[in-house]
Amino acid sequence: MEKSPKSWMTTLLLTIFLGCWAKLYVNDLKGFLIRLFTYNGCMVLWVMDLVKLFNGTYVDGQGRLVSKN
């Protein structure tokens, strides 16, 4: 799978401290709006995003992996 040009560390920090705004950073407007209007899915989606980031399965709006390397 293709690697995203977005920074993994920036995505991680945005996810931890600003929640849904990380989705806007990686150009995922649909994911951003869902999280914005549901308070990050009652925080369940926030935890899922963190797990995906650490597992290396987090994708940006174009389906590219946001990874450490």
Protein backbone atom coordinates (compact mmCIF):
# COMPACT_ATOMS: atom_id res chain seq x y z
CA MET A 1 0.00 0.00 0.00
CA GLU A 2 1.19 3.53 -0.77
CA LYS A 3 2.58 5.69 2.04
CA SER A 4 0.91 8.99 2.91
CA PRO A 5 2.96 12.20 2.83
CA LYS A 6 1.37 13.21 6.16
CA SER A 7 3.53 13.05 9.26
CA TRP A 8 2.82 10.18 11.67
CA MET A 9 3.92 12.22 14.70
CA THR A 10 1.76 15.22 13.77
CA THR A 11 -1.21 12.91 13.22
CA LEU A 12 -0.59 11.24 16.58
CA LEU A 13 -0.37 14.54 18.46
CA LEU A 14 -3.47 15.92 16.76
CA THR A 15 -5.36 12.72 17.57
CA ILE A 16 -4.36 12.79 21.24
CA PHE A 17 -4.95 16.48 21.92
CA LEU A 18 -7.53 17.60 19.34
CA GLY A 19 -9.33 14.37 18.39
CA CYS A 20 -11.35 14.84 15.22
CA TRP A 21 -9.03 17.55 13.84
CA ALA A 22 -6.49 14.86 12.95
CA LYS A 23 -8.95 13.56 10.35
CA LEU A 24 -9.07 17.01 8.78
CA TYR A 25 -5.24 17.08 8.73
CA VAL A 26 -5.14 13.82 6.73
CA ASN A 27 -7.86 15.09 4.33
CA ASP A 28 -10.63 12.77 5.54
CA LEU A 29 -13.60 15.16 5.57
CA LYS A 30 -16.22 12.45 6.12
CA GLY A 31 -14.34 11.05 9.13
CA PHE A 32 -13.86 14.57 10.49
CA LEU A 33 -17.57 15.43 10.28
CA ILE A 34 -18.64 12.14 11.88
CA ARG A 35 -16.26 12.69 14.79
CA LEU A 36 -17.13 16.38 15.13
CA PHE A 37 -20.88 15.82 15.44
CA THR A 38 -20.72 12.70 17.62
CA TYR A 39 -18.05 13.91 20.07
CA ASN A 40 -15.52 11.51 18.55
CA GLY A 41 -18.09 8.71 18.56
CA CYS A 42 -18.39 9.03 22.36
CA MET A 43 -14.60 8.65 22.46
CA VAL A 44 -14.73 5.13 20.97
CA LEU A 45 -13.53 6.39 17.58
CA TRP A 46 -10.75 8.33 19.32
CA VAL A 47 -9.43 5.14 20.93
CA MET A 48 -9.79 3.27 17.62
CA ASP A 49 -7.75 5.98 15.84
CA LEU A 50 -4.97 5.66 18.43
CA VAL A 51 -4.91 1.87 18.07
CA LYS A 52 -4.77 2.18 14.27
CA LEU A 53 -1.91 4.68 14.50
CA PHE A 54 0.17 2.39 16.70
CA ASN A 55 -0.68 -0.71 14.63
CA GLY A 56 0.24 1.02 11.38
CA THR A 57 -3.22 0.67 9.82
CA TYR A 58 -4.30 4.36 9.96
CA VAL A 59 -5.13 5.70 6.49
CA ASP A 60 -5.56 9.21 5.11
CA GLY A 61 -8.44 10.49 2.96
CA GLN A 62 -6.99 8.85 -0.17
CA GLY A 63 -6.52 5.43 1.44
CA ARG A 64 -2.74 5.74 1.89
CA LEU A 65 -1.07 4.53 5.08
CA VAL A 66 0.10 7.09 7.63
CA SER A 67 3.10 5.26 9.06
CA LYS A 68 6.20 5.98 11.16
CA ASN A 69 8.68 5.04 8.44
